């Protein structure tokens, strides 16, 4: 069964999480590539998350938070 398209609220929340990740990455003076390396992800995946085009799974959010040295709650 295909999933329903995301609602405006979901899209807004996805963009907000991406923006928090981007802000924390810049504050940590990291490129998307370096963050991706630290988190064990592809740079394109980090880019899609920051742009709000993709919803990260919890495991990846945890990896990103750890790579940035921030609490998971600060990203979500």
C-alpha atoms as a PDB file:
ATOM      1  CA  UNK A   1       0.000   0.000   0.000  1.00  0.00           C
ATOM      2  CA  UNK A   2       1.602   3.301  -1.045  1.00  0.00           C
ATOM      3  CA  UNK A   3       2.050   5.914   1.640  1.00  0.00           C
ATOM      4  CA  UNK A   4       0.094   9.136   1.561  1.00  0.00           C
ATOM      5  CA  UNK A   5       1.936  12.246   0.403  1.00  0.00           C
ATOM      6  CA  UNK A   6       3.336  14.353   3.234  1.00  0.00           C
ATOM      7  CA  UNK A   7       1.058  17.012   4.657  1.00  0.00           C
ATOM      8  CA  UNK A   8       2.124  20.675   4.789  1.00  0.00           C
ATOM      9  CA  UNK A   9       2.858  20.261   8.512  1.00  0.00           C
ATOM     10  CA  UNK A  10       5.130  17.288   7.817  1.00  0.00           C
ATOM     11  CA  UNK A  11       6.932  19.155   5.038  1.00  0.00           C
ATOM     12  CA  UNK A  12       7.452  22.179   7.290  1.00  0.00           C
ATOM     13  CA  UNK A  13       8.812  20.007  10.105  1.00  0.00           C
ATOM     14  CA  UNK A  14      11.118  18.195   7.675  1.00  0.00           C
ATOM     15  CA  UNK A  15      12.502  21.535   6.457  1.00  0.00           C
ATOM     16  CA  UNK A  16      12.941  22.758  10.051  1.00  0.00           C
ATOM     17  CA  UNK A  17      14.949  19.668  11.007  1.00  0.00           C
ATOM     18  CA  UNK A  18      17.085  20.082   7.897  1.00  0.00           C
ATOM     19  CA  UNK A  19      17.735  23.713   8.745  1.00  0.00           C
ATOM     20  CA  UNK A  20      18.743  22.819  12.322  1.00  0.00           C
ATOM     21  CA  UNK A  21      21.180  20.227  10.973  1.00  0.00           C
ATOM     22  CA  UNK A  22      22.605  22.746   8.493  1.00  0.00           C
ATOM     23  CA  UNK A  23      22.984  25.393  11.208  1.00  0.00           C
ATOM     24  CA  UNK A  24      24.717  22.954  13.561  1.00  0.00           C
ATOM     25  CA  UNK A  25      26.984  21.753  10.733  1.00  0.00           C
ATOM     26  CA  UNK A  26      28.042  25.292   9.870  1.00  0.00           C
ATOM     27  CA  UNK A  27      28.538  26.125  13.554  1.00  0.00           C
ATOM     28  CA  UNK A  28      30.802  23.052  13.795  1.00  0.00           C
ATOM     29  CA  UNK A  29      32.695  24.345  10.742  1.00  0.00           C
ATOM     30  CA  UNK A  30      32.004  21.168   8.763  1.00  0.00           C
ATOM     31  CA  UNK A  31      31.242  20.665   5.102  1.00  0.00           C
ATOM     32  CA  UNK A  32      28.424  18.347   4.075  1.00  0.00           C
ATOM     33  CA  UNK A  33      31.068  15.897   2.916  1.00  0.00           C
ATOM     34  CA  UNK A  34      32.890  15.911   6.262  1.00  0.00           C
ATOM     35  CA  UNK A  35      29.628  15.518   8.195  1.00  0.00           C
ATOM     36  CA  UNK A  36      28.660  12.636   5.935  1.00  0.00           C
ATOM     37  CA  UNK A  37      32.016  10.939   6.536  1.00  0.00           C
ATOM     38  CA  UNK A  38      31.686  11.340  10.307  1.00  0.00           C
ATOM     39  CA  UNK A  39      28.105  10.032  10.242  1.00  0.00           C
ATOM     40  CA  UNK A  40      28.858   7.142   7.880  1.00  0.00           C
ATOM     41  CA  UNK A  41      26.519   8.472   5.200  1.00  0.00           C
ATOM     42  CA  UNK A  42      26.681   9.726   1.631  1.00  0.00           C
ATOM     43  CA  UNK A  43      27.050  13.478   1.105  1.00  0.00           C
ATOM     44  CA  UNK A  44      23.994  13.464  -1.145  1.00  0.00           C
ATOM     45  CA  UNK A  45      21.917  12.023   1.697  1.00  0.00           C
ATOM     46  CA  UNK A  46      23.027  14.825   4.020  1.00  0.00           C
ATOM     47  CA  UNK A  47      22.181  17.354   1.307  1.00  0.00           C
ATOM     48  CA  UNK A  48      18.679  15.902   0.781  1.00  0.00           C
ATOM     49  CA  UNK A  49      18.034  15.974   4.539  1.00  0.00           C
ATOM     50  CA  UNK A  50      19.260  19.565   4.911  1.00  0.00           C
ATOM     51  CA  UNK A  51      17.116  20.669   1.964  1.00  0.00           C
ATOM     52  CA  UNK A  52      14.039  18.940   3.421  1.00  0.00           C
ATOM     53  CA  UNK A  53      13.713  16.661   0.400  1.00  0.00           C
ATOM     54  CA  UNK A  54      14.069  13.470   2.412  1.00  0.00           C
ATOM     55  CA  UNK A  55      13.081  12.268   5.848  1.00  0.00           C
ATOM     56  CA  UNK A  56      16.003  10.764   7.733  1.00  0.00           C
ATOM     57  CA  UNK A  57      15.464   7.562   9.644  1.00  0.00           C
ATOM     58  CA  UNK A  58      16.095   7.740  13.369  1.00  0.00           C
ATOM     59  CA  UNK A  59      19.401   5.855  13.090  1.00  0.00           C
ATOM     60  CA  UNK A  60      20.755   8.498  10.709  1.00  0.00           C
ATOM     61  CA  UNK A  61      19.517  11.350  12.900  1.00  0.00           C
ATOM     62  CA  UNK A  62      21.386   9.810  15.824  1.00  0.00           C
ATOM     63  CA  UNK A  63      24.534   9.444  13.699  1.00  0.00           C
ATOM     64  CA  UNK A  64      24.258  13.057  12.539  1.00  0.00           C
ATOM     65  CA  UNK A  65      23.763  14.346  16.088  1.00  0.00           C
ATOM     66  CA  UNK A  66      26.775  12.351  17.288  1.00  0.00           C
ATOM     67  CA  UNK A  67      28.900  13.579  14.364  1.00  0.00           C
ATOM     68  CA  UNK A  68      27.932  17.170  15.177  1.00  0.00           C
ATOM     69  CA  UNK A  69      28.424  16.742  18.918  1.00  0.00           C
ATOM     70  CA  UNK A  70      24.876  17.862  19.700  1.00  0.00           C
ATOM     71  CA  UNK A  71      21.926  16.280  21.440  1.00  0.00           C
ATOM     72  CA  UNK A  72      19.371  14.580  19.207  1.00  0.00           C
ATOM     73  CA  UNK A  73      16.661  16.767  20.740  1.00  0.00           C
ATOM     74  CA  UNK A  74      18.477  19.862  19.446  1.00  0.00           C
ATOM     75  CA  UNK A  75      17.924  18.663  15.896  1.00  0.00           C
ATOM     76  CA  UNK A  76      14.288  17.643  16.210  1.00  0.00           C
END
